[in-house]
Amino acid sequence: IRWTDDTGDNIVLLTKTDVTQSKTARDDGSRESALNGYHFIISKDSARQTWGVYDYIKECPVDMILYFVEKAFAVTDLNKDGKAEVWIMYKVSCQGDVSPVPMKIIMYQNNKKFAVRGTTKTQVSATDYMGGEFTFDEAFKNGPVQFRQYAEKLWKQHQLETWKQQ
């Protein structure tokens, strides 16, 4: 996505590597993959990377859950300072069961990273659920209240694990 704000002409690119056989020699069928997010400032005919997000799974012999939550990606200016906030949400796990999946929100504003970490919420019986907890890092705790409110709303919108193939 591309936008312009007080920092200039911006581009964010999100990528996922193909799932491949793990580079370490193992007989259990282990696989690996990675997610990357890149932010660039465009100036005339050049691009300068200002931040990046990287997460991965290596040596996974069971189910690999690794993807961006596309509907959660957003560019906002919640605190109305003219500098966009970039919201990236993703799930990352190597697991062979239907327990809650680790999930993260990474938000950048003006090269400052904010993070929310926790798990999805999984239905374990007709009326009971497990997981869904999250914690704000210090940047969120000390940042504008609008950031925490938006992050919490985003988390609640996407916390329920449906176990559909991604």
Protein backbone atom coordinates (compact mmCIF):
# COMPACT_ATOMS: atom_id res chain seq x y z
CA ILE A 1 0.00 0.00 0.00
CA ARG A 2 1.19 3.53 -0.70
CA TRP A 3 0.26 6.79 1.02
CA THR A 4 1.60 10.27 1.72
CA ASP A 5 1.78 11.91 5.14
CA ASP A 6 4.01 14.42 6.95
CA THR A 7 6.94 11.97 6.73
CA GLY A 8 6.71 11.83 2.92
CA ASP A 9 5.76 9.27 0.29
CA ASN A 10 5.42 5.84 1.98
CA ILE A 11 5.13 2.23 0.81
CA VAL A 12 4.54 -0.91 2.90
CA LEU A 13 5.07 -4.34 1.37
CA LEU A 14 4.06 -7.59 3.11
CA THR A 15 5.49 -10.92 1.94
CA LYS A 16 5.45 -14.58 2.89
CA THR A 17 8.04 -17.10 1.73
CA ASP A 18 6.97 -20.42 0.28
CA VAL A 19 6.82 -23.33 2.70
CA THR A 20 9.98 -25.36 2.11
CA GLN A 21 11.75 -28.36 3.56
CA SER A 22 13.80 -27.30 6.60
CA LYS A 23 17.44 -26.61 5.80
CA THR A 24 18.56 -28.86 8.64
CA ALA A 25 18.69 -32.51 7.67
CA ARG A 26 15.79 -34.20 9.48
CA ASP A 27 13.70 -37.23 8.59
CA ASP A 28 10.45 -35.95 10.16
CA GLY A 29 9.34 -33.82 7.20
CA SER A 30 10.07 -30.54 8.98
CA ARG A 31 9.21 -27.41 7.04
CA GLU A 32 9.85 -23.70 7.36
CA SER A 33 8.49 -20.37 6.18
CA ALA A 34 8.76 -16.68 7.04
CA LEU A 35 6.75 -13.45 7.05
CA ASN A 36 8.29 -10.09 6.21
CA GLY A 37 6.96 -6.55 6.29
CA TYR A 38 8.92 -3.64 4.85
CA HIS A 39 8.39 0.11 5.06
CA PHE A 40 10.03 2.45 2.56
CA ILE A 41 10.18 6.21 2.17
CA ILE A 42 10.23 7.17 -1.51
CA SER A 43 12.33 10.16 -2.52
CA LYS A 44 12.54 11.06 -6.20
CA ASP A 45 13.78 7.87 -7.88
CA SER A 46 14.99 5.96 -4.81
CA ALA A 47 13.48 4.06 -1.88
CA ARG A 48 14.95 3.91 1.63
CA GLN A 49 13.84 1.19 4.03
CA THR A 50 13.04 2.61 7.48
CA TRP A 51 11.72 -0.45 9.34
CA GLY A 52 10.95 -4.10 8.89
CA VAL A 53 8.96 -6.89 10.54
CA TYR A 54 10.25 -10.47 10.40
CA ASP A 55 8.86 -13.63 11.95
CA TYR A 56 9.33 -17.25 11.03
CA ILE A 57 8.81 -20.93 11.74
CA LYS A 58 11.68 -23.37 11.35
CA GLU A 59 11.81 -27.14 11.75
CA CYS A 60 8.03 -27.65 11.97
CA PRO A 61 7.00 -31.32 11.63
CA VAL A 62 3.27 -30.65 12.29
CA ASP A 63 0.78 -27.96 11.21
CA MET A 64 2.35 -24.63 10.31
CA ILE A 65 0.19 -21.58 11.02
CA LEU A 66 1.90 -18.52 9.58
CA TYR A 67 -0.01 -15.75 7.87
CA PHE A 68 -0.93 -12.08 7.92
CA VAL A 69 -4.50 -11.32 8.98
CA GLU A 70 -5.25 -9.38 5.80
CA LYS A 71 -8.46 -7.71 7.01
CA ALA A 72 -6.55 -6.24 9.96
CA PHE A 73 -3.92 -4.39 7.89
CA ALA A 74 -4.52 -0.65 8.15
CA VAL A 75 -2.94 2.77 7.82
CA THR A 76 -4.45 5.28 10.25
CA ASP A 77 -3.74 8.63 11.90
CA LEU A 78 -5.59 8.10 15.16
CA ASN A 79 -3.78 10.81 17.12
CA LYS A 80 -4.12 13.32 14.26
CA ASP A 81 -0.41 14.26 14.20
CA GLY A 82 -0.01 13.94 10.43
CA LYS A 83 2.14 10.80 10.74
CA ALA A 84 0.47 7.52 9.81
CA GLU A 85 0.28 4.46 12.02
CA VAL A 86 0.77 1.17 10.14
CA TRP A 87 -1.05 -1.85 11.63
CA ILE A 88 0.09 -5.40 10.84
CA MET A 89 -1.48 -8.45 12.48
CA TYR A 90 -0.36 -12.04 12.04
CA LYS A 91 -0.45 -15.56 13.47
CA VAL A 92 2.63 -17.72 13.93
CA SER A 93 2.72 -21.26 15.31
CA CYS A 94 3.92 -24.81 14.75
CA GLN A 95 1.40 -27.04 16.50
CA GLY A 96 -0.37 -30.34 16.07
CA ASP A 97 -3.53 -29.57 18.01
CA VAL A 98 -6.40 -27.08 18.14
CA SER A 99 -5.16 -25.00 21.06
CA PRO A 100 -5.01 -21.18 20.89
CA VAL A 101 -2.57 -19.83 18.29
CA PRO A 102 0.03 -17.14 19.10
CA MET A 103 -1.00 -13.87 17.44
CA LYS A 104 0.67 -10.46 17.23
CA ILE A 105 -0.17 -6.91 16.29
CA ILE A 106 2.83 -4.84 15.25
CA MET A 107 2.18 -1.15 14.75
CA TYR A 108 4.70 1.43 13.63
CA GLN A 109 4.37 5.17 13.80
CA ASN A 110 7.26 7.31 12.60
CA ASN A 111 9.71 4.37 12.96
CA LYS A 112 8.63 3.59 16.54
CA LYS A 113 7.45 0.02 17.10
CA PHE A 114 4.41 -0.89 19.21
CA ALA A 115 3.49 -4.55 19.86
CA VAL A 116 0.58 -6.58 21.21
CA ARG A 117 1.21 -10.27 21.84
CA GLY A 118 -1.15 -13.03 22.89
CA THR A 119 -3.23 -15.93 21.63
CA THR A 120 -6.36 -16.51 19.65
CA LYS A 121 -9.52 -17.70 21.37
CA THR A 122 -10.52 -21.32 20.72
CA GLN A 123 -13.85 -23.00 21.47
CA VAL A 124 -13.22 -26.14 23.56
CA SER A 125 -16.84 -27.14 24.27
CA ALA A 126 -20.35 -25.91 23.51
CA THR A 127 -19.97 -23.07 26.03
CA ASP A 128 -16.27 -22.87 26.98
CA TYR A 129 -13.37 -21.10 25.32
CA MET A 130 -9.63 -21.09 25.90
CA GLY A 131 -7.15 -18.31 25.10
CA GLY A 132 -7.79 -14.83 23.76
CA GLU A 133 -5.45 -13.07 26.20
CA PHE A 134 -3.06 -10.35 25.07
CA THR A 135 -0.54 -7.92 26.52
CA PHE A 136 0.61 -4.49 25.40
CA ASP A 137 4.33 -3.75 25.26
CA GLU A 138 5.73 -0.67 27.02
CA ALA A 139 5.40 1.50 23.89
CA PHE A 140 1.65 0.85 23.80
CA LYS A 141 1.30 1.27 27.56
CA ASN A 142 3.04 4.66 27.40
CA GLY A 143 1.57 5.74 24.05
CA PRO A 144 -1.64 7.55 23.16
CA VAL A 145 -4.82 5.98 24.51
CA GLN A 146 -6.27 5.93 20.96
CA PHE A 147 -3.57 3.41 19.98
CA ARG A 148 -4.50 0.99 22.78
CA GLN A 149 -8.22 1.37 22.07
CA TYR A 150 -7.74 0.62 18.37
CA ALA A 151 -5.42 -2.33 19.11
CA GLU A 152 -7.90 -3.85 21.56
CA LYS A 153 -10.76 -3.47 19.06
CA LEU A 154 -8.62 -5.05 16.34
CA TRP A 155 -7.68 -7.94 18.63
CA LYS A 156 -11.30 -8.64 19.56
CA GLN A 157 -12.37 -8.57 15.90
CA HIS A 158 -9.83 -11.26 14.95
CA GLN A 159 -9.24 -13.30 18.11
CA LEU A 160 -11.66 -16.18 17.46
CA GLU A 161 -9.81 -19.11 15.86
CA THR A 162 -12.01 -20.77 13.27
CA TRP A 163 -9.47 -23.36 12.08
CA LYS A 164 -10.13 -22.64 8.42
CA GLN A 165 -7.25 -23.31 6.07
CA GLN A 166 -5.33 -20.12 5.27
